[in-house]
Amino acid sequence: MSVTDPQPPAPEAGADAAQEALRDRIAADSLTTRRDYLRIVATVSGGLAVGGVAVASGILHRHGDTDGAPAPKRIADRILPGESLAFRYPGDEDRAIAVRMEDGTLAGYSAVCTHLACAVLWRKDRGSEGELYCPCHEGVFDARTGEVTAGPPPRGLPKVVLIEQVDGSVWAIGTARSGETAREGLCRQQGDALRLCRAQAERAVGAAAERSERP
């Protein structure tokens, strides 16, 4: 009797067809997964690009955009030198930040970066006066003026106008657009309701009249 290697059993009818169908299904699922992944990446990338264009071009709401006078809001009982405070003003969706520098100067700004609307933070230990910093793309703003000192932000931070009462409490009373002074923002929002705005308007009219009378 001869000894031979054992032979594998003959495949059942239809087994090859079932295996082929399984391979086709796996390949189709894999293709669908790749398609879905690419679609998600394209959607997210497109959303970020559109959002960035919207913020940079001014389509989205910014602090100081309103011409109406926002209601005054008490934001703190006291802010000591070297301290900062996050708050919301003029609306509940408007992130803002107040900073008291070591020399006592009080400054308030929008806490929304003018680049891609990331949150702006206070870094007390940077430089002689600290800095306002956006961690998303390394944007840096001057703590005293709100102007851009580094990174990609296209303009300075809009201001939140702050005043301090005799009891030490700090109030937000208005906003100013990027590039506006606090006085310009208040006068745009308050108009003749503020004495300083009436005086400013009178000086502007007088200067214009003087120029027109020159030969």
N, C-alpha and C. Protein backbone atom coordinates (compact mmCIF):
# COMPACT_ATOMS: atom_id res chain seq x y z
N MET A 1 0.87 -1.17 0.00
CA MET A 1 0.00 0.00 0.00
C MET A 1 0.89 1.21 0.00
N SER A 2 0.62 2.08 -0.91
CA SER A 2 1.44 3.29 -1.01
C SER A 2 0.90 4.37 -0.09
N VAL A 3 1.85 5.17 0.42
CA VAL A 3 1.47 6.29 1.30
C VAL A 3 1.55 7.57 0.50
N THR A 4 0.51 8.33 0.52
CA THR A 4 0.47 9.61 -0.21
C THR A 4 0.07 10.72 0.76
N ASP A 5 0.43 11.94 0.38
CA ASP A 5 0.04 13.10 1.20
C ASP A 5 -1.47 13.25 1.20
N PRO A 6 -2.02 13.67 2.35
CA PRO A 6 -3.47 13.85 2.40
C PRO A 6 -3.91 14.96 1.47
N GLN A 7 -4.98 14.76 0.81
CA GLN A 7 -5.51 15.74 -0.13
C GLN A 7 -6.60 16.58 0.55
N PRO A 8 -6.63 17.89 0.30
CA PRO A 8 -7.69 18.73 0.88
C PRO A 8 -9.03 18.33 0.33
N PRO A 9 -10.07 18.50 1.14
CA PRO A 9 -11.40 18.15 0.65
C PRO A 9 -11.78 19.04 -0.50
N ALA A 10 -12.55 18.51 -1.37
CA ALA A 10 -13.02 19.28 -2.52
C ALA A 10 -13.91 20.42 -2.04
N PRO A 11 -13.75 21.62 -2.59
CA PRO A 11 -14.59 22.74 -2.17
C PRO A 11 -16.03 22.48 -2.49
N GLU A 12 -16.87 22.96 -1.56
CA GLU A 12 -18.31 22.80 -1.79
C GLU A 12 -18.74 23.70 -2.92
N ALA A 13 -19.80 23.34 -3.54
CA ALA A 13 -20.33 24.13 -4.65
C ALA A 13 -20.72 25.50 -4.15
N GLY A 14 -20.31 26.54 -4.82
CA GLY A 14 -20.68 27.90 -4.47
C GLY A 14 -19.74 28.58 -3.50
N ALA A 15 -18.75 27.85 -2.94
CA ALA A 15 -17.84 28.46 -1.96
C ALA A 15 -17.01 29.55 -2.60
N ASP A 16 -16.51 29.30 -3.80
CA ASP A 16 -15.70 30.32 -4.49
C ASP A 16 -16.51 31.58 -4.72
N ALA A 17 -17.75 31.43 -5.09
CA ALA A 17 -18.61 32.59 -5.35
C ALA A 17 -18.86 33.38 -4.07
N ALA A 18 -19.02 32.69 -2.93
CA ALA A 18 -19.26 33.38 -1.67
C ALA A 18 -18.03 34.18 -1.24
N GLN A 19 -16.83 33.57 -1.40
CA GLN A 19 -15.61 34.26 -1.04
C GLN A 19 -15.38 35.49 -1.93
N GLU A 20 -15.70 35.34 -3.20
CA GLU A 20 -15.53 36.46 -4.11
C GLU A 20 -16.48 37.60 -3.75
N ALA A 21 -17.71 37.25 -3.36
CA ALA A 21 -18.68 38.27 -2.97
C ALA A 21 -18.22 38.99 -1.70
N LEU A 22 -17.60 38.22 -0.75
CA LEU A 22 -17.11 38.83 0.49
C LEU A 22 -15.98 39.81 0.20
N ARG A 23 -15.07 39.41 -0.71
CA ARG A 23 -13.97 40.31 -1.07
C ARG A 23 -14.50 41.58 -1.72
N ASP A 24 -15.50 41.46 -2.57
CA ASP A 24 -16.09 42.62 -3.24
C ASP A 24 -16.73 43.57 -2.22
N ARG A 25 -17.39 42.96 -1.22
CA ARG A 25 -18.05 43.78 -0.20
C ARG A 25 -17.03 44.55 0.63
N ILE A 26 -15.93 43.87 1.01
CA ILE A 26 -14.88 44.53 1.80
C ILE A 26 -14.27 45.68 1.00
N ALA A 27 -14.01 45.43 -0.28
CA ALA A 27 -13.43 46.48 -1.12
C ALA A 27 -14.37 47.66 -1.25
N ALA A 28 -15.68 47.39 -1.39
CA ALA A 28 -16.66 48.47 -1.53
C ALA A 28 -16.75 49.28 -0.24
N ASP A 29 -16.75 48.56 0.91
CA ASP A 29 -16.80 49.27 2.20
C ASP A 29 -15.57 50.15 2.38
N SER A 30 -14.42 49.62 1.97
CA SER A 30 -13.18 50.36 2.11
C SER A 30 -13.21 51.63 1.26
N LEU A 31 -13.74 51.50 0.03
CA LEU A 31 -13.84 52.65 -0.86
C LEU A 31 -14.79 53.69 -0.28
N THR A 32 -15.92 53.22 0.28
CA THR A 32 -16.88 54.15 0.89
C THR A 32 -16.25 54.90 2.06
N THR A 33 -15.47 54.16 2.88
CA THR A 33 -14.82 54.79 4.02
C THR A 33 -13.84 55.86 3.56
N ARG A 34 -13.08 55.56 2.51
CA ARG A 34 -12.13 56.54 1.99
C ARG A 34 -12.86 57.76 1.45
N ARG A 35 -13.96 57.52 0.75
CA ARG A 35 -14.75 58.63 0.20
C ARG A 35 -15.29 59.51 1.33
N ASP A 36 -15.83 58.86 2.37
CA ASP A 36 -16.39 59.61 3.50
C ASP A 36 -15.31 60.44 4.18
N TYR A 37 -14.13 59.84 4.34
CA TYR A 37 -13.04 60.55 5.00
C TYR A 37 -12.65 61.79 4.19
N LEU A 38 -12.49 61.61 2.88
CA LEU A 38 -12.12 62.74 2.04
C LEU A 38 -13.19 63.82 2.04
N ARG A 39 -14.47 63.38 2.06
CA ARG A 39 -15.56 64.35 2.08
C ARG A 39 -15.55 65.15 3.38
N ILE A 40 -15.29 64.48 4.52
CA ILE A 40 -15.24 65.16 5.82
C ILE A 40 -14.08 66.16 5.84
N VAL A 41 -12.91 65.73 5.36
CA VAL A 41 -11.75 66.62 5.35
C VAL A 41 -12.03 67.85 4.50
N ALA A 42 -12.63 67.63 3.32
CA ALA A 42 -12.92 68.76 2.43
C ALA A 42 -13.93 69.71 3.06
N THR A 43 -14.93 69.15 3.74
CA THR A 43 -15.96 69.99 4.37
C THR A 43 -15.37 70.83 5.48
N VAL A 44 -14.57 70.20 6.35
CA VAL A 44 -13.98 70.94 7.47
C VAL A 44 -13.02 72.00 6.97
N SER A 45 -12.17 71.65 5.99
CA SER A 45 -11.22 72.61 5.45
C SER A 45 -11.95 73.78 4.80
N GLY A 46 -13.00 73.47 4.06
CA GLY A 46 -13.79 74.53 3.43
C GLY A 46 -14.45 75.42 4.45
N GLY A 47 -14.96 74.82 5.53
CA GLY A 47 -15.59 75.61 6.58
C GLY A 47 -14.62 76.55 7.25
N LEU A 48 -13.40 76.06 7.52
CA LEU A 48 -12.39 76.93 8.13
C LEU A 48 -12.01 78.07 7.21
N ALA A 49 -11.88 77.76 5.92
CA ALA A 49 -11.51 78.79 4.96
C ALA A 49 -12.59 79.86 4.86
N VAL A 50 -13.85 79.42 4.76
CA VAL A 50 -14.95 80.38 4.67
C VAL A 50 -15.05 81.20 5.95
N GLY A 51 -14.88 80.54 7.11
CA GLY A 51 -14.93 81.26 8.37
C GLY A 51 -13.83 82.31 8.47
N GLY A 52 -12.63 81.93 8.02
CA GLY A 52 -11.53 82.88 8.06
C GLY A 52 -11.78 84.08 7.18
N VAL A 53 -12.30 83.85 5.97
CA VAL A 53 -12.61 84.96 5.06
C VAL A 53 -13.70 85.84 5.66
N ALA A 54 -14.70 85.20 6.29
CA ALA A 54 -15.81 85.96 6.87
C ALA A 54 -15.33 86.87 7.99
N VAL A 55 -14.47 86.34 8.85
CA VAL A 55 -13.96 87.16 9.96
C VAL A 55 -13.09 88.27 9.43
N ALA A 56 -12.18 87.92 8.51
CA ALA A 56 -11.24 88.92 8.01
C ALA A 56 -11.93 90.02 7.22
N SER A 57 -13.00 89.69 6.49
CA SER A 57 -13.67 90.68 5.65
C SER A 57 -14.77 91.43 6.37
N GLY A 58 -15.07 91.01 7.62
CA GLY A 58 -16.05 91.75 8.39
C GLY A 58 -17.47 91.27 8.22
N ILE A 59 -17.71 90.09 7.60
CA ILE A 59 -19.07 89.58 7.43
C ILE A 59 -19.65 89.20 8.78
N LEU A 60 -18.84 88.58 9.63
CA LEU A 60 -19.33 88.17 10.94
C LEU A 60 -19.35 89.35 11.90
N HIS A 61 -20.22 89.25 12.90
CA HIS A 61 -20.36 90.30 13.89
C HIS A 61 -19.07 90.53 14.65
N ARG A 62 -18.76 91.80 14.89
CA ARG A 62 -17.60 92.15 15.68
C ARG A 62 -18.02 93.10 16.79
N HIS A 63 -17.21 93.16 17.86
CA HIS A 63 -17.42 94.16 18.89
C HIS A 63 -17.38 95.55 18.25
N GLY A 64 -18.28 96.43 18.71
CA GLY A 64 -18.26 97.81 18.24
C GLY A 64 -19.02 98.05 16.97
N ASP A 65 -19.58 97.00 16.35
CA ASP A 65 -20.27 97.19 15.08
C ASP A 65 -21.57 97.99 15.22
N THR A 66 -22.22 97.87 16.36
CA THR A 66 -23.49 98.54 16.52
C THR A 66 -23.32 100.04 16.69
N ASP A 67 -24.24 100.81 16.11
CA ASP A 67 -24.23 102.25 16.27
C ASP A 67 -25.04 102.68 17.49
N GLY A 68 -25.87 101.79 18.01
CA GLY A 68 -26.66 102.11 19.20
C GLY A 68 -25.80 102.08 20.45
N ALA A 69 -26.30 102.71 21.49
CA ALA A 69 -25.56 102.77 22.75
C ALA A 69 -25.87 101.55 23.60
N PRO A 70 -24.88 100.69 23.89
CA PRO A 70 -25.14 99.54 24.76
C PRO A 70 -25.34 99.99 26.19
N ALA A 71 -26.09 99.21 26.94
CA ALA A 71 -26.35 99.55 28.34
C ALA A 71 -25.08 99.36 29.17
N PRO A 72 -24.81 100.28 30.11
CA PRO A 72 -23.66 100.09 31.01
C PRO A 72 -23.81 98.80 31.80
N LYS A 73 -22.67 98.18 32.12
CA LYS A 73 -22.70 96.91 32.85
C LYS A 73 -21.56 96.89 33.88
N ARG A 74 -21.90 96.60 35.12
CA ARG A 74 -20.88 96.43 36.16
C ARG A 74 -20.22 95.07 35.96
N ILE A 75 -18.90 95.07 35.79
CA ILE A 75 -18.22 93.80 35.50
C ILE A 75 -17.38 93.31 36.66
N ALA A 76 -17.04 94.18 37.60
CA ALA A 76 -16.21 93.75 38.73
C ALA A 76 -16.31 94.75 39.87
N ASP A 77 -16.18 94.25 41.09
CA ASP A 77 -16.10 95.13 42.25
C ASP A 77 -14.77 95.87 42.29
N ARG A 78 -13.74 95.20 41.76
CA ARG A 78 -12.41 95.80 41.76
C ARG A 78 -11.49 94.94 40.89
N ILE A 79 -10.57 95.58 40.18
CA ILE A 79 -9.53 94.86 39.44
C ILE A 79 -8.20 95.45 39.87
N LEU A 80 -7.35 94.63 40.44
CA LEU A 80 -6.07 95.09 40.97
C LEU A 80 -4.99 95.09 39.89
N PRO A 81 -3.92 95.87 40.08
CA PRO A 81 -2.82 95.87 39.11
C PRO A 81 -2.29 94.46 38.87
N GLY A 82 -2.07 94.14 37.60
CA GLY A 82 -1.57 92.83 37.22
C GLY A 82 -2.66 91.79 37.03
N GLU A 83 -3.92 92.16 37.29
CA GLU A 83 -5.02 91.21 37.16
C GLU A 83 -5.74 91.40 35.83
N SER A 84 -6.42 90.34 35.41
CA SER A 84 -7.28 90.41 34.23
C SER A 84 -8.60 89.76 34.57
N LEU A 85 -9.61 90.06 33.76
CA LEU A 85 -10.95 89.53 34.01
C LEU A 85 -11.62 89.25 32.68
N ALA A 86 -12.15 88.03 32.52
CA ALA A 86 -12.96 87.70 31.35
C ALA A 86 -14.42 87.99 31.66
N PHE A 87 -15.11 88.62 30.72
CA PHE A 87 -16.52 88.93 30.92
C PHE A 87 -17.22 88.97 29.57
N ARG A 88 -18.52 89.24 29.56
CA ARG A 88 -19.30 89.32 28.33
C ARG A 88 -19.89 90.73 28.20
N TYR A 89 -19.65 91.35 27.03
CA TYR A 89 -20.18 92.68 26.79
C TYR A 89 -19.99 93.04 25.32
N PRO A 90 -20.97 93.72 24.68
CA PRO A 90 -22.23 94.20 25.24
C PRO A 90 -23.33 93.14 25.34
N GLY A 91 -23.19 92.04 24.57
CA GLY A 91 -24.19 90.98 24.63
C GLY A 91 -23.64 89.75 25.34
N ASP A 92 -24.52 88.81 25.60
CA ASP A 92 -24.11 87.59 26.30
C ASP A 92 -23.19 86.72 25.45
N GLU A 93 -23.15 86.95 24.14
CA GLU A 93 -22.30 86.16 23.26
C GLU A 93 -20.97 86.86 22.97
N ASP A 94 -20.80 88.06 23.46
CA ASP A 94 -19.61 88.86 23.14
C ASP A 94 -18.54 88.69 24.22
N ARG A 95 -17.51 87.89 23.91
CA ARG A 95 -16.44 87.67 24.86
C ARG A 95 -15.54 88.91 24.95
N ALA A 96 -15.18 89.28 26.16
CA ALA A 96 -14.35 90.46 26.37
C ALA A 96 -13.37 90.19 27.49
N ILE A 97 -12.35 91.06 27.57
CA ILE A 97 -11.34 90.90 28.61
C ILE A 97 -10.93 92.28 29.12
N ALA A 98 -10.80 92.39 30.43
CA ALA A 98 -10.32 93.62 31.07
C ALA A 98 -8.95 93.34 31.68
N VAL A 99 -8.04 94.31 31.56
CA VAL A 99 -6.68 94.15 32.06
C VAL A 99 -6.30 95.40 32.86
N ARG A 100 -5.76 95.19 34.04
CA ARG A 100 -5.21 96.31 34.83
C ARG A 100 -3.70 96.16 34.83
N MET A 101 -3.01 97.11 34.20
CA MET A 101 -1.56 97.04 34.15
C MET A 101 -0.94 97.51 35.46
N GLU A 102 0.34 97.28 35.61
CA GLU A 102 1.01 97.54 36.89
C GLU A 102 0.99 99.02 37.26
N ASP A 103 0.92 99.91 36.26
CA ASP A 103 0.87 101.34 36.58
C ASP A 103 -0.55 101.82 36.86
N GLY A 104 -1.50 100.89 36.88
CA GLY A 104 -2.87 101.25 37.19
C GLY A 104 -3.77 101.45 35.99
N THR A 105 -3.20 101.50 34.80
CA THR A 105 -4.01 101.70 33.59
C THR A 105 -4.99 100.55 33.42
N LEU A 106 -6.23 100.90 33.12
CA LEU A 106 -7.29 99.92 32.93
C LEU A 106 -7.66 99.89 31.46
N ALA A 107 -7.66 98.71 30.85
CA ALA A 107 -7.96 98.58 29.43
C ALA A 107 -8.92 97.42 29.21
N GLY A 108 -9.81 97.58 28.24
CA GLY A 108 -10.76 96.52 27.91
C GLY A 108 -10.80 96.28 26.41
N TYR A 109 -10.93 95.02 26.04
CA TYR A 109 -10.92 94.66 24.62
C TYR A 109 -11.89 93.51 24.34
N SER A 110 -12.24 93.37 23.09
CA SER A 110 -12.87 92.14 22.64
C SER A 110 -11.88 91.00 22.85
N ALA A 111 -12.37 89.85 23.31
CA ALA A 111 -11.50 88.68 23.50
C ALA A 111 -11.62 87.72 22.33
N VAL A 112 -12.00 88.24 21.16
CA VAL A 112 -12.13 87.44 19.94
C VAL A 112 -11.07 87.90 18.95
N CYS A 113 -10.16 87.00 18.60
CA CYS A 113 -9.07 87.36 17.69
C CYS A 113 -9.62 87.81 16.34
N THR A 114 -9.01 88.83 15.77
CA THR A 114 -9.45 89.35 14.48
C THR A 114 -8.97 88.51 13.30
N HIS A 115 -8.26 87.43 13.59
CA HIS A 115 -7.80 86.53 12.52
C HIS A 115 -8.87 85.49 12.20
N LEU A 116 -9.05 84.50 13.10
CA LEU A 116 -10.05 83.45 12.88
C LEU A 116 -10.97 83.27 14.07
N ALA A 117 -11.15 84.33 14.85
CA ALA A 117 -12.14 84.36 15.94
C ALA A 117 -11.84 83.39 17.08
N CYS A 118 -10.58 83.04 17.29
CA CYS A 118 -10.22 82.24 18.47
C CYS A 118 -10.21 83.14 19.70
N ALA A 119 -10.18 82.51 20.87
CA ALA A 119 -10.19 83.27 22.12
C ALA A 119 -8.84 83.94 22.36
N VAL A 120 -8.88 85.18 22.84
CA VAL A 120 -7.67 85.92 23.18
C VAL A 120 -7.47 85.84 24.69
N LEU A 121 -6.22 85.57 25.09
CA LEU A 121 -5.87 85.38 26.50
C LEU A 121 -4.89 86.45 26.95
N TRP A 122 -4.82 86.67 28.27
CA TRP A 122 -3.88 87.61 28.85
C TRP A 122 -2.66 86.85 29.37
N ARG A 123 -1.47 87.27 28.95
CA ARG A 123 -0.23 86.67 29.47
C ARG A 123 0.55 87.76 30.21
N LYS A 124 0.41 87.74 31.51
CA LYS A 124 0.98 88.79 32.36
C LYS A 124 2.50 88.80 32.33
N ASP A 125 3.13 87.61 32.17
CA ASP A 125 4.58 87.50 32.32
C ASP A 125 5.35 87.78 31.04
N ARG A 126 4.67 88.28 29.99
CA ARG A 126 5.36 88.55 28.73
C ARG A 126 5.66 90.05 28.60
N GLY A 127 6.94 90.38 28.49
CA GLY A 127 7.32 91.78 28.34
C GLY A 127 7.12 92.57 29.62
N SER A 128 7.29 93.88 29.51
CA SER A 128 7.18 94.74 30.69
C SER A 128 5.74 94.98 31.10
N GLU A 129 4.79 94.82 30.16
CA GLU A 129 3.39 95.11 30.46
C GLU A 129 2.46 93.93 30.16
N GLY A 130 3.04 92.76 29.87
CA GLY A 130 2.22 91.63 29.48
C GLY A 130 1.74 91.78 28.05
N GLU A 131 0.94 90.81 27.61
CA GLU A 131 0.43 90.87 26.24
C GLU A 131 -0.88 90.11 26.14
N LEU A 132 -1.64 90.45 25.12
CA LEU A 132 -2.85 89.71 24.78
C LEU A 132 -2.48 88.75 23.66
N TYR A 133 -2.84 87.49 23.82
CA TYR A 133 -2.28 86.42 22.99
C TYR A 133 -3.37 85.49 22.48
N CYS A 134 -3.31 85.18 21.19
CA CYS A 134 -4.20 84.18 20.59
C CYS A 134 -3.38 82.92 20.31
N PRO A 135 -3.67 81.80 20.98
CA PRO A 135 -2.85 80.60 20.82
C PRO A 135 -3.08 79.85 19.52
N CYS A 136 -4.15 80.17 18.79
CA CYS A 136 -4.44 79.39 17.58
C CYS A 136 -3.35 79.56 16.51
N HIS A 137 -2.94 80.80 16.25
CA HIS A 137 -1.93 81.04 15.23
C HIS A 137 -0.89 82.06 15.69
N GLU A 138 -0.66 82.11 17.02
CA GLU A 138 0.39 82.94 17.60
C GLU A 138 0.18 84.43 17.33
N GLY A 139 -1.05 84.88 17.37
CA GLY A 139 -1.31 86.31 17.25
C GLY A 139 -1.05 87.00 18.58
N VAL A 140 -0.44 88.19 18.53
CA VAL A 140 -0.12 88.94 19.74
C VAL A 140 -0.60 90.38 19.57
N PHE A 141 -1.21 90.91 20.65
CA PHE A 141 -1.73 92.28 20.65
C PHE A 141 -1.14 93.05 21.82
N ASP A 142 -0.89 94.33 21.60
CA ASP A 142 -0.37 95.21 22.65
C ASP A 142 -1.43 95.40 23.73
N ALA A 143 -1.05 95.20 24.99
CA ALA A 143 -2.01 95.27 26.08
C ALA A 143 -2.50 96.69 26.32
N ARG A 144 -1.71 97.70 25.96
CA ARG A 144 -2.08 99.08 26.22
C ARG A 144 -2.94 99.68 25.11
N THR A 145 -2.74 99.21 23.88
CA THR A 145 -3.46 99.80 22.74
C THR A 145 -4.37 98.83 22.01
N GLY A 146 -4.11 97.52 22.14
CA GLY A 146 -4.88 96.53 21.40
C GLY A 146 -4.39 96.30 19.98
N GLU A 147 -3.33 97.01 19.58
CA GLU A 147 -2.82 96.86 18.21
C GLU A 147 -2.02 95.57 18.05
N VAL A 148 -1.95 95.07 16.82
CA VAL A 148 -1.24 93.83 16.51
C VAL A 148 0.26 94.07 16.62
N THR A 149 0.95 93.19 17.33
CA THR A 149 2.41 93.28 17.42
C THR A 149 3.10 92.07 16.80
N ALA A 150 2.37 90.98 16.56
CA ALA A 150 2.97 89.79 15.94
C ALA A 150 1.86 88.88 15.44
N GLY A 151 2.21 88.04 14.44
CA GLY A 151 1.28 87.04 13.97
C GLY A 151 0.36 87.54 12.86
N PRO A 152 -0.63 86.71 12.48
CA PRO A 152 -1.44 86.99 11.30
C PRO A 152 -2.68 87.87 11.47
N PRO A 153 -3.09 88.28 12.67
CA PRO A 153 -4.31 89.11 12.76
C PRO A 153 -4.22 90.34 11.86
N PRO A 154 -5.27 90.63 11.09
CA PRO A 154 -5.21 91.74 10.13
C PRO A 154 -5.42 93.12 10.75
N ARG A 155 -5.92 93.20 11.97
CA ARG A 155 -6.15 94.50 12.61
C ARG A 155 -6.19 94.31 14.12
N GLY A 156 -6.17 95.42 14.83
CA GLY A 156 -6.18 95.39 16.28
C GLY A 156 -7.51 94.95 16.85
N LEU A 157 -7.51 94.73 18.16
CA LEU A 157 -8.73 94.30 18.84
C LEU A 157 -9.68 95.47 19.03
N PRO A 158 -10.98 95.29 18.79
CA PRO A 158 -11.95 96.32 19.17
C PRO A 158 -11.88 96.55 20.67
N LYS A 159 -12.14 97.78 21.07
CA LYS A 159 -12.05 98.14 22.48
C LYS A 159 -13.40 98.03 23.18
N VAL A 160 -13.33 97.72 24.46
CA VAL A 160 -14.48 97.86 25.35
C VAL A 160 -14.13 98.99 26.30
N VAL A 161 -14.97 100.02 26.31
CA VAL A 161 -14.68 101.22 27.10
C VAL A 161 -15.04 100.95 28.56
N LEU A 162 -14.04 101.11 29.44
CA LEU A 162 -14.21 100.84 30.86
C LEU A 162 -14.03 102.12 31.67
N ILE A 163 -14.79 102.23 32.75
CA ILE A 163 -14.59 103.31 33.70
C ILE A 163 -14.55 102.71 35.11
N GLU A 164 -13.89 103.43 36.00
CA GLU A 164 -13.80 102.99 37.39
C GLU A 164 -14.50 104.01 38.28
N GLN A 165 -15.41 103.56 39.12
CA GLN A 165 -16.12 104.44 40.03
C GLN A 165 -15.30 104.67 41.30
N VAL A 166 -15.75 105.63 42.10
CA VAL A 166 -15.00 105.96 43.31
C VAL A 166 -14.94 104.80 44.30
N ASP A 167 -15.90 103.90 44.23
CA ASP A 167 -15.88 102.74 45.14
C ASP A 167 -15.01 101.60 44.62
N GLY A 168 -14.33 101.82 43.47
CA GLY A 168 -13.44 100.81 42.91
C GLY A 168 -14.10 99.89 41.91
N SER A 169 -15.43 99.95 41.79
CA SER A 169 -16.12 99.07 40.85
C SER A 169 -15.80 99.47 39.42
N VAL A 170 -15.77 98.47 38.53
CA VAL A 170 -15.42 98.68 37.13
C VAL A 170 -16.65 98.42 36.28
N TRP A 171 -16.94 99.36 35.37
CA TRP A 171 -18.11 99.29 34.51
C TRP A 171 -17.70 99.34 33.05
N ALA A 172 -18.38 98.55 32.21
CA ALA A 172 -18.26 98.67 30.76
C ALA A 172 -19.39 99.59 30.29
N ILE A 173 -19.05 100.61 29.49
CA ILE A 173 -20.06 101.60 29.10
C ILE A 173 -20.19 101.76 27.59
N GLY A 174 -19.37 101.07 26.81
CA GLY A 174 -19.45 101.21 25.36
C GLY A 174 -18.38 100.40 24.67
N THR A 175 -18.37 100.46 23.35
CA THR A 175 -17.37 99.73 22.56
C THR A 175 -16.83 100.64 21.47
N ALA A 176 -15.69 100.28 20.95
CA ALA A 176 -15.08 101.01 19.84
C ALA A 176 -14.57 100.00 18.82
N ARG A 177 -14.73 100.32 17.57
CA ARG A 177 -14.28 99.44 16.50
C ARG A 177 -12.76 99.41 16.42
N SER A 178 -12.23 98.43 15.69
CA SER A 178 -10.79 98.39 15.45
C SER A 178 -10.36 99.70 14.81
N GLY A 179 -9.33 100.31 15.36
CA GLY A 179 -8.83 101.56 14.81
C GLY A 179 -9.47 102.81 15.39
N GLU A 180 -10.60 102.68 16.09
CA GLU A 180 -11.22 103.82 16.74
C GLU A 180 -10.63 104.02 18.13
N THR A 181 -10.60 105.28 18.58
CA THR A 181 -10.27 105.53 19.97
C THR A 181 -11.53 105.29 20.80
N ALA A 182 -11.33 105.17 22.11
CA ALA A 182 -12.48 105.00 22.99
C ALA A 182 -13.44 106.17 22.86
N ARG A 183 -12.91 107.39 22.75
CA ARG A 183 -13.77 108.57 22.62
C ARG A 183 -14.56 108.52 21.32
N GLU A 184 -13.91 108.15 20.23
CA GLU A 184 -14.61 108.07 18.94
C GLU A 184 -15.74 107.05 19.00
N GLY A 185 -15.48 105.90 19.64
CA GLY A 185 -16.52 104.89 19.76
C GLY A 185 -17.69 105.37 20.59
N LEU A 186 -17.39 106.03 21.72
CA LEU A 186 -18.46 106.54 22.56
C LEU A 186 -19.28 107.61 21.85
N CYS A 187 -18.60 108.50 21.14
CA CYS A 187 -19.32 109.57 20.46
C CYS A 187 -20.17 109.02 19.31
N ARG A 188 -19.70 107.99 18.65
CA ARG A 188 -20.52 107.38 17.60
C ARG A 188 -21.76 106.75 18.20
N GLN A 189 -21.62 106.13 19.37
CA GLN A 189 -22.75 105.43 19.98
C GLN A 189 -23.66 106.37 20.77
N GLN A 190 -23.08 107.33 21.46
CA GLN A 190 -23.85 108.19 22.34
C GLN A 190 -24.26 109.51 21.68
N GLY A 191 -23.48 109.97 20.72
CA GLY A 191 -23.80 111.22 20.04
C GLY A 191 -23.80 112.40 20.99
N ASP A 192 -24.80 113.27 20.83
CA ASP A 192 -24.86 114.50 21.63
C ASP A 192 -25.22 114.25 23.08
N ALA A 193 -25.47 112.99 23.45
CA ALA A 193 -25.79 112.70 24.84
C ALA A 193 -24.58 112.93 25.74
N LEU A 194 -23.39 112.92 25.16
CA LEU A 194 -22.17 113.14 25.95
C LEU A 194 -21.63 114.54 25.68
N ARG A 195 -21.31 115.25 26.73
CA ARG A 195 -20.82 116.62 26.60
C ARG A 195 -19.52 116.67 25.81
N LEU A 196 -18.64 115.68 26.03
CA LEU A 196 -17.36 115.68 25.32
C LEU A 196 -17.57 115.51 23.83
N CYS A 197 -18.66 114.82 23.44
CA CYS A 197 -18.93 114.64 22.01
C CYS A 197 -19.44 115.93 21.39
N ARG A 198 -20.25 116.68 22.14
CA ARG A 198 -20.72 117.96 21.63
C ARG A 198 -19.56 118.91 21.43
N ALA A 199 -18.65 118.92 22.41
CA ALA A 199 -17.48 119.80 22.30
C ALA A 199 -16.61 119.37 21.12
N GLN A 200 -16.46 118.08 20.93
CA GLN A 200 -15.66 117.58 19.82
C GLN A 200 -16.29 117.96 18.49
N ALA A 201 -17.61 117.84 18.40
CA ALA A 201 -18.31 118.19 17.16
C ALA A 201 -18.18 119.68 16.88
N GLU A 202 -18.29 120.50 17.93
CA GLU A 202 -18.17 121.94 17.74
C GLU A 202 -16.77 122.31 17.25
N ARG A 203 -15.75 121.66 17.80
CA ARG A 203 -14.39 121.94 17.35
C ARG A 203 -14.20 121.54 15.90
N ALA A 204 -14.79 120.40 15.52
CA ALA A 204 -14.66 119.94 14.13
C ALA A 204 -15.33 120.90 13.17
N VAL A 205 -16.51 121.40 13.54
CA VAL A 205 -17.23 122.36 12.69
C VAL A 205 -16.43 123.65 12.58
N GLY A 206 -15.89 124.12 13.72
CA GLY A 206 -15.10 125.35 13.70
C GLY A 206 -13.86 125.22 12.83
N ALA A 207 -13.19 124.07 12.92
CA ALA A 207 -11.99 123.85 12.10
C ALA A 207 -12.34 123.81 10.62
N ALA A 208 -13.47 123.18 10.28
CA ALA A 208 -13.89 123.11 8.89
C ALA A 208 -14.22 124.50 8.35
N ALA A 209 -14.89 125.31 9.18
CA ALA A 209 -15.23 126.68 8.75
C ALA A 209 -13.98 127.51 8.54
N GLU A 210 -13.01 127.33 9.43
CA GLU A 210 -11.77 128.08 9.31
C GLU A 210 -11.03 127.72 8.03
N ARG A 211 -11.01 126.44 7.70
CA ARG A 211 -10.33 126.00 6.47
C ARG A 211 -11.03 126.57 5.23
N SER A 212 -12.37 126.61 5.27
CA SER A 212 -13.11 127.09 4.10
C SER A 212 -12.92 128.59 3.87
N GLU A 213 -12.57 129.35 4.93
CA GLU A 213 -12.38 130.79 4.80
C GLU A 213 -11.00 131.17 4.33
N ARG A 214 -10.07 130.20 4.35
CA ARG A 214 -8.72 130.51 3.91
C ARG A 214 -8.70 130.71 2.40
N PRO A 215 -7.88 131.66 1.92
CA PRO A 215 -7.80 131.90 0.46
C PRO A 215 -7.15 130.73 -0.25
